[in-house]
Amino acid sequence: MSEQRLSVFKTYKLYVGGKFPRSESGRVYEVSDSKSKWLANAPLSSRKDARDAVVAARKAQGAWAGKTAYLRGQILYRVAEMLEGRKDQFVREVAEAEGLSKSKAAAVVDAAIDRWVWYAGWTDKIAQIVGGGNPVAGPFFNLSSPEPTGVVTVVAPQKSSFLGLVSVIAPVIATGNTAVVIASENSPLPALSLGEVLATSDLPGGVVNILSGRTAEITPSLAAHQDVNAIDLAGVEDDVLAKELEIAAADNLKRVVRPQPVDWSADPGTHRLTAFLETKTVWHPTGSLGASGSSY
């Protein structure tokens, strides 16, 4: 006669600096499915966790931006490979988080993986879209090229727990930025599981840092943080909070992507790729060669 074995419940943790810490506060909160059935306890991040995530993102940013665009694309493609291998897990988590049937959740996960591959393909192409040589009246070369903004805070969409999540993270890191991500408050489990995928891929630790908890508690300190260069407010649904975050972000001239209705299943375009890029323009004088006056 076999004994009934106990279920092994999964312990979800934050993903910061390539590691999986619990919240420094020791707090957790209950996560339920669309029918109010308990699923797991998620870490309830504190402002200290947010500051630690910014430190990790800043530490990783220089090396990540310094990699060739082609290599960043290869690393992002490897993440897509890992997502494909764990597709069943994400289908289950998305179905529970968003109240979808298994077939509809599978379609969402497939779209998210395809979206990740799509952004991976843009890493070595975006420079040709937004950069190039500029015609000038004078003996100069004038070249403009895109550079990453730096550390970007991303407030993930609240209702699109995986496709929307991928759609806001991938363009940030594809262009050489690093990210501090605040997962969907009510449906954070797909985001926390994504951290496990990133940790077992080739993505360096600190490039993506994932926090779970109360959006209204974590975002103000990140919006005001002097070492954060930009913020995407995609998941901020409270208009008053969004306005407060914009005001806080203005203190060090952060770039801000304002919240707006988005169909995450539609063609994403390139606007989120270009939202977190700066343009560097270099002037170089031409010279004359020999008595003929020819120049280079």
Foldseek 3Di string as FASTA:
>chain_A
DDDDDDDDADDFAWAAQLDGDAAPVPDWDFAFFPVRHTRYTYGAHAQVLVVRLLVLQQVCQVVLQPDALLVLLVLLLQLLVLCVVCVVVQLVLLCRHQVHDSVVSSVLSVLQSVLSNVLSVCSNPVQVVPWAWDDDPAQKTKTKGKGFQEEEEEEFAQNSQRLSRSLQLRLNSSRRYAYEYEGRANRRVVVSVSSVSSSPTPNGGSSYTYDYHDCLRHQLSVLQDLSHAAYEPQHDPDPVSQVSSVVSNPVNDHQYHGHDDDDSSDDPPCCSNVSRIDMDMDMDGWDADPPVRDID
